[in-house]
PDB file of N, CA and C in Angstrom:
ATOM      1  N   MET A   1     -90.920-112.919  65.177  1.00  0.00           N
ATOM      2  CA  MET A   1     -90.554-112.750  63.795  1.00  0.00           C
ATOM      3  C   MET A   1     -91.182-111.451  63.293  1.00  0.00           C
ATOM      4  N   ALA A   2     -90.471-110.705  62.489  1.00  0.00           N
ATOM      5  CA  ALA A   2     -90.982-109.443  61.951  1.00  0.00           C
ATOM      6  C   ALA A   2     -92.103-109.715  60.963  1.00  0.00           C
ATOM      7  N   ALA A   3     -93.048-108.779  60.880  1.00  0.00           N
ATOM      8  CA  ALA A   3     -94.225-108.961  60.023  1.00  0.00           C
ATOM      9  C   ALA A   3     -93.868-108.981  58.545  1.00  0.00           C
ATOM     10  N   ASP A   4     -92.762-108.321  58.155  1.00  0.00           N
ATOM     11  CA  ASP A   4     -92.432-108.263  56.742  1.00  0.00           C
ATOM     12  C   ASP A   4     -91.559-109.434  56.286  1.00  0.00           C
ATOM     13  N   VAL A   5     -91.219-110.329  57.182  1.00  0.00           N
ATOM     14  CA  VAL A   5     -90.422-111.503  56.838  1.00  0.00           C
ATOM     15  C   VAL A   5     -91.369-112.657  56.561  1.00  0.00           C
ATOM     16  N   MET A   6     -91.202-113.267  55.396  1.00  0.00           N
ATOM     17  CA  MET A   6     -92.098-114.360  55.022  1.00  0.00           C
ATOM     18  C   MET A   6     -91.621-115.669  55.620  1.00  0.00           C
ATOM     19  N   SER A   7     -92.551-116.449  56.066  1.00  0.00           N
ATOM     20  CA  SER A   7     -92.269-117.778  56.563  1.00  0.00           C
ATOM     21  C   SER A   7     -91.910-118.652  55.366  1.00  0.00           C
ATOM     22  N   PRO A   8     -91.052-119.651  55.549  1.00  0.00           N
ATOM     23  CA  PRO A   8     -90.718-120.537  54.428  1.00  0.00           C
ATOM     24  C   PRO A   8     -91.941-121.273  53.878  1.00  0.00           C
ATOM     25  N   ASP A   9     -93.005-121.388  54.689  1.00  0.00           N
ATOM     26  CA  ASP A   9     -94.207-122.090  54.249  1.00  0.00           C
ATOM     27  C   ASP A   9     -95.140-121.206  53.420  1.00  0.00           C
ATOM     28  N   VAL A  10     -94.893-119.895  53.396  1.00  0.00           N
ATOM     29  CA  VAL A  10     -95.768-118.968  52.682  1.00  0.00           C
ATOM     30  C   VAL A  10     -95.094-118.554  51.376  1.00  0.00           C
ATOM     31  N   LEU A  11     -95.755-118.880  50.281  1.00  0.00           N
ATOM     32  CA  LEU A  11     -95.221-118.522  48.972  1.00  0.00           C
ATOM     33  C   LEU A  11     -96.058-117.402  48.377  1.00  0.00           C
ATOM     34  N   PRO A  12     -95.432-116.536  47.570  1.00  0.00           N
ATOM     35  CA  PRO A  12     -96.219-115.477  46.936  1.00  0.00           C
ATOM     36  C   PRO A  12     -97.219-116.090  45.949  1.00  0.00           C
ATOM     37  N   ASP A  13     -98.307-115.400  45.760  1.00  0.00           N
ATOM     38  CA  ASP A  13     -99.348-115.846  44.835  1.00  0.00           C
ATOM     39  C   ASP A  13     -98.762-115.898  43.427  1.00  0.00           C
ATOM     40  N   PRO A  14     -98.794-117.056  42.773  1.00  0.00           N
ATOM     41  CA  PRO A  14     -98.214-117.159  41.433  1.00  0.00           C
ATOM     42  C   PRO A  14     -99.065-116.470  40.362  1.00  0.00           C
ATOM     43  N   ASP A  15    -100.310-116.144  40.692  1.00  0.00           N
ATOM     44  CA  ASP A  15    -101.206-115.497  39.729  1.00  0.00           C
ATOM     45  C   ASP A  15    -102.031-114.429  40.453  1.00  0.00           C
ATOM     46  N   PRO A  16    -101.382-113.331  40.862  1.00  0.00           N
ATOM     47  CA  PRO A  16    -102.117-112.305  41.623  1.00  0.00           C
ATOM     48  C   PRO A  16    -103.126-111.567  40.750  1.00  0.00           C
ATOM     49  N   ARG A  17    -104.161-111.064  41.391  1.00  0.00           N
ATOM     50  CA  ARG A  17    -105.186-110.275  40.697  1.00  0.00           C
ATOM     51  C   ARG A  17    -104.531-109.020  40.115  1.00  0.00           C
ATOM     52  N   PRO A  18    -104.790-108.704  38.864  1.00  0.00           N
ATOM     53  CA  PRO A  18    -104.222-107.478  38.275  1.00  0.00           C
ATOM     54  C   PRO A  18    -104.708-106.242  39.027  1.00  0.00           C
ATOM     55  N   GLN A  19    -103.867-105.255  39.108  1.00  0.00           N
ATOM     56  CA  GLN A  19    -104.207-104.003  39.769  1.00  0.00           C
ATOM     57  C   GLN A  19    -104.442-102.919  38.716  1.00  0.00           C
ATOM     58  N   PRO A  20    -105.439-102.070  38.955  1.00  0.00           N
ATOM     59  CA  PRO A  20    -105.724-101.023  37.969  1.00  0.00           C
ATOM     60  C   PRO A  20    -104.596-100.002  37.906  1.00  0.00           C
ATOM     61  N   PRO A  21    -104.455 -99.355  36.758  1.00  0.00           N
ATOM     62  CA  PRO A  21    -103.429 -98.312  36.663  1.00  0.00           C
ATOM     63  C   PRO A  21    -103.839 -97.099  37.493  1.00  0.00           C
ATOM     64  N   GLU A  22    -102.866 -96.325  37.869  1.00  0.00           N
ATOM     65  CA  GLU A  22    -103.150 -95.112  38.630  1.00  0.00           C
ATOM     66  C   GLU A  22    -103.643 -94.037  37.668  1.00  0.00           C
ATOM     67  N   ALA A  23    -104.766 -93.450  37.991  1.00  0.00           N
ATOM     68  CA  ALA A  23    -105.324 -92.391  37.138  1.00  0.00           C
ATOM     69  C   ALA A  23    -104.455 -91.138  37.223  1.00  0.00           C
ATOM     70  N   PRO A  24    -104.346 -90.420  36.123  1.00  0.00           N
ATOM     71  CA  PRO A  24    -103.585 -89.174  36.172  1.00  0.00           C
ATOM     72  C   PRO A  24    -104.263 -88.164  37.094  1.00  0.00           C
ATOM     73  N   GLY A  25    -103.464 -87.310  37.667  1.00  0.00           N
ATOM     74  CA  GLY A  25    -104.000 -86.278  38.537  1.00  0.00           C
ATOM     75  C   GLY A  25    -104.760 -85.230  37.746  1.00  0.00           C
ATOM     76  N   PRO A  26    -105.535 -84.398  38.424  1.00  0.00           N
ATOM     77  CA  PRO A  26    -106.363 -83.416  37.726  1.00  0.00           C
ATOM     78  C   PRO A  26    -105.573 -82.377  36.933  1.00  0.00           C
ATOM     79  N   ASN A  27    -104.323 -82.173  37.278  1.00  0.00           N
ATOM     80  CA  ASN A  27    -103.516 -81.159  36.582  1.00  0.00           C
ATOM     81  C   ASN A  27    -102.434 -81.757  35.696  1.00  0.00           C
ATOM     82  N   GLU A  28    -102.470 -83.074  35.447  1.00  0.00           N
ATOM     83  CA  GLU A  28    -101.419 -83.697  34.653  1.00  0.00           C
ATOM     84  C   GLU A  28    -101.591 -83.473  33.150  1.00  0.00           C
ATOM     85  N   CYS A  29    -102.809 -83.248  32.695  1.00  0.00           N
ATOM     86  CA  CYS A  29    -103.035 -82.951  31.277  1.00  0.00           C
ATOM     87  C   CYS A  29    -102.933 -81.446  31.098  1.00  0.00           C
ATOM     88  N   CYS A  30    -102.080 -81.015  30.169  1.00  0.00           N
ATOM     89  CA  CYS A  30    -101.881 -79.578  29.979  1.00  0.00           C
ATOM     90  C   CYS A  30    -102.918 -78.981  29.028  1.00  0.00           C
ATOM     91  N   GLY A  31    -103.673 -79.852  28.325  1.00  0.00           N
ATOM     92  CA  GLY A  31    -104.720 -79.367  27.445  1.00  0.00           C
ATOM     93  C   GLY A  31    -104.234 -78.787  26.132  1.00  0.00           C
ATOM     94  N   SER A  32    -102.964 -79.050  25.792  1.00  0.00           N
ATOM     95  CA  SER A  32    -102.427 -78.473  24.554  1.00  0.00           C
ATOM     96  C   SER A  32    -102.460 -79.444  23.374  1.00  0.00           C
ATOM     97  N   GLY A  33    -103.095 -80.602  23.546  1.00  0.00           N
ATOM     98  CA  GLY A  33    -103.217 -81.543  22.435  1.00  0.00           C
ATOM     99  C   GLY A  33    -101.950 -82.338  22.156  1.00  0.00           C
ATOM    100  N   CYS A  34    -101.214 -82.669  23.171  1.00  0.00           N
ATOM    101  CA  CYS A  34     -99.984 -83.453  22.999  1.00  0.00           C
ATOM    102  C   CYS A  34    -100.296 -84.757  22.260  1.00  0.00           C
ATOM    103  N   PRO A  35     -99.370 -85.216  21.410  1.00  0.00           N
ATOM    104  CA  PRO A  35     -99.612 -86.476  20.699  1.00  0.00           C
ATOM    105  C   PRO A  35     -99.701 -87.677  21.641  1.00  0.00           C
ATOM    106  N   LEU A  36     -99.036 -87.640  22.771  1.00  0.00           N
ATOM    107  CA  LEU A  36     -99.107 -88.703  23.776  1.00  0.00           C
ATOM    108  C   LEU A  36     -99.627 -88.105  25.085  1.00  0.00           C
ATOM    109  N   CYS A  37    -100.875 -87.717  25.074  1.00  0.00           N
ATOM    110  CA  CYS A  37    -101.494 -87.125  26.265  1.00  0.00           C
ATOM    111  C   CYS A  37    -101.576 -88.162  27.375  1.00  0.00           C
ATOM    112  N   VAL A  38    -101.392 -87.716  28.605  1.00  0.00           N
ATOM    113  CA  VAL A  38    -101.474 -88.642  29.739  1.00  0.00           C
ATOM    114  C   VAL A  38    -102.850 -89.293  29.825  1.00  0.00           C
ATOM    115  N   LEU A  39    -103.878 -88.603  29.375  1.00  0.00           N
ATOM    116  CA  LEU A  39    -105.230 -89.178  29.404  1.00  0.00           C
ATOM    117  C   LEU A  39    -105.369 -90.307  28.379  1.00  0.00           C
ATOM    118  N   ASP A  40    -104.737 -90.141  27.216  1.00  0.00           N
ATOM    119  CA  ASP A  40    -104.745 -91.208  26.208  1.00  0.00           C
ATOM    120  C   ASP A  40    -103.961 -92.420  26.702  1.00  0.00           C
ATOM    121  N   LEU A  41    -102.802 -92.162  27.303  1.00  0.00           N
ATOM    122  CA  LEU A  41    -101.983 -93.260  27.832  1.00  0.00           C
ATOM    123  C   LEU A  41    -102.734 -93.996  28.931  1.00  0.00           C
ATOM    124  N   TYR A  42    -103.423 -93.254  29.790  1.00  0.00           N
ATOM    125  CA  TYR A  42    -104.208 -93.873  30.858  1.00  0.00           C
ATOM    126  C   TYR A  42    -105.327 -94.726  30.271  1.00  0.00           C
ATOM    127  N   ALA A  43    -106.004 -94.222  29.242  1.00  0.00           N
ATOM    128  CA  ALA A  43    -107.088 -94.978  28.609  1.00  0.00           C
ATOM    129  C   ALA A  43    -106.556 -96.288  28.036  1.00  0.00           C
ATOM    130  N   ASP A  44    -105.367 -96.257  27.433  1.00  0.00           N
ATOM    131  CA  ASP A  44    -104.750 -97.480  26.902  1.00  0.00           C
ATOM    132  C   ASP A  44    -104.419 -98.454  28.030  1.00  0.00           C
ATOM    133  N   GLU A  45    -103.828 -97.938  29.107  1.00  0.00           N
ATOM    134  CA  GLU A  45    -103.477 -98.784  30.246  1.00  0.00           C
ATOM    135  C   GLU A  45    -104.727 -99.383  30.887  1.00  0.00           C
ATOM    136  N   LEU A  46    -105.797 -98.601  30.954  1.00  0.00           N
ATOM    137  CA  LEU A  46    -107.042 -99.069  31.546  1.00  0.00           C
ATOM    138  C   LEU A  46    -107.655-100.187  30.697  1.00  0.00           C
ATOM    139  N   ALA A  47    -107.594-100.047  29.387  1.00  0.00           N
ATOM    140  CA  ALA A  47    -108.117-101.089  28.494  1.00  0.00           C
ATOM    141  C   ALA A  47    -107.309-102.378  28.662  1.00  0.00           C
ATOM    142  N   GLN A  48    -105.993-102.262  28.759  1.00  0.00           N
ATOM    143  CA  GLN A  48    -105.149-103.439  28.965  1.00  0.00           C
ATOM    144  C   GLN A  48    -105.439-104.083  30.315  1.00  0.00           C
ATOM    145  N   TYR A  49    -105.621-103.253  31.342  1.00  0.00           N
ATOM    146  CA  TYR A  49    -105.951-103.770  32.670  1.00  0.00           C
ATOM    147  C   TYR A  49    -107.252-104.550  32.630  1.00  0.00           C
ATOM    148  N   ARG A  50    -108.254-104.011  31.962  1.00  0.00           N
ATOM    149  CA  ARG A  50    -109.553-104.691  31.893  1.00  0.00           C
ATOM    150  C   ARG A  50    -109.428-106.044  31.195  1.00  0.00           C
ATOM    151  N   GLN A  51    -108.602-106.117  30.168  1.00  0.00           N
ATOM    152  CA  GLN A  51    -108.380-107.400  29.485  1.00  0.00           C
ATOM    153  C   GLN A  51    -107.677-108.385  30.415  1.00  0.00           C
ATOM    154  N   ARG A  52    -106.643-107.910  31.112  1.00  0.00           N
ATOM    155  CA  ARG A  52    -105.921-108.787  32.047  1.00  0.00           C
ATOM    156  C   ARG A  52    -106.836-109.242  33.172  1.00  0.00           C
ATOM    157  N   LEU A  53    -107.694-108.342  33.678  1.00  0.00           N
ATOM    158  CA  LEU A  53    -108.610-108.688  34.754  1.00  0.00           C
ATOM    159  C   LEU A  53    -109.623-109.723  34.282  1.00  0.00           C
ATOM    160  N   GLU A  54    -110.156-109.565  33.089  1.00  0.00           N
ATOM    161  CA  GLU A  54    -111.127-110.530  32.572  1.00  0.00           C
ATOM    162  C   GLU A  54    -110.476-111.912  32.422  1.00  0.00           C
ATOM    163  N   ALA A  55    -109.260-111.956  31.922  1.00  0.00           N
ATOM    164  CA  ALA A  55    -108.547-113.236  31.790  1.00  0.00           C
ATOM    165  C   ALA A  55    -108.295-113.845  33.163  1.00  0.00           C
ATOM    166  N   TRP A  56    -107.922-113.007  34.128  1.00  0.00           N
ATOM    167  CA  TRP A  56    -107.675-113.494  35.492  1.00  0.00           C
ATOM    168  C   TRP A  56    -108.957-114.060  36.089  1.00  0.00           C
ATOM    169  N   LYS A  57    -110.093-113.353  35.884  1.00  0.00           N
ATOM    170  CA  LYS A  57    -111.379-113.830  36.412  1.00  0.00           C
ATOM    171  C   LYS A  57    -111.763-115.178  35.809  1.00  0.00           C
ATOM    172  N   GLN A  58    -111.424-115.404  34.563  1.00  0.00           N
ATOM    173  CA  GLN A  58    -111.712-116.695  33.941  1.00  0.00           C
ATOM    174  C   GLN A  58    -110.871-117.796  34.571  1.00  0.00           C
ATOM    175  N   ARG A  59    -109.650-117.460  34.978  1.00  0.00           N
ATOM    176  CA  ARG A  59    -108.783-118.438  35.637  1.00  0.00           C
ATOM    177  C   ARG A  59    -109.169-118.645  37.097  1.00  0.00           C
ATOM    178  N   HIS A  60    -109.885-117.670  37.674  1.00  0.00           N
ATOM    179  CA  HIS A  60    -110.278-117.697  39.089  1.00  0.00           C
ATOM    180  C   HIS A  60    -111.788-117.447  39.198  1.00  0.00           C
ATOM    181  N   PRO A  61    -112.607-118.370  38.727  1.00  0.00           N
ATOM    182  CA  PRO A  61    -114.064-118.126  38.702  1.00  0.00           C
ATOM    183  C   PRO A  61    -114.691-117.963  40.093  1.00  0.00           C
ATOM    184  N   ASP A  62    -114.042-118.413  41.124  1.00  0.00           N
ATOM    185  CA  ASP A  62    -114.601-118.304  42.477  1.00  0.00           C
ATOM    186  C   ASP A  62    -114.158-117.028  43.198  1.00  0.00           C
ATOM    187  N   ALA A  63    -113.355-116.208  42.540  1.00  0.00           N
ATOM    188  CA  ALA A  63    -112.863-114.985  43.171  1.00  0.00           C
ATOM    189  C   ALA A  63    -113.997-114.000  43.372  1.00  0.00           C
ATOM    190  N   THR A  64    -113.916-113.255  44.458  1.00  0.00           N
ATOM    191  CA  THR A  64    -114.930-112.246  44.747  1.00  0.00           C
ATOM    192  C   THR A  64    -114.408-110.880  44.327  1.00  0.00           C
ATOM    193  N   GLU A  65    -115.322-109.994  44.103  1.00  0.00           N
ATOM    194  CA  GLU A  65    -114.962-108.625  43.676  1.00  0.00           C
ATOM    195  C   GLU A  65    -114.254-107.893  44.770  1.00  0.00           C
TER     196      GLU A  65
END
């Protein structure tokens, strides 16, 4: 059986650990003060990720880092 084919007995995790957002690259901010700077958007996404991760950890107290 191919490795990417799931067995009928294996179900996807119904509550997977949240994944952090991808940080912007070093040259993605142009430094011109855009109203929606990629760094601001990343900071918002990171804050949301941290909230989702904290909620997930409360649902999975035995999970390891």
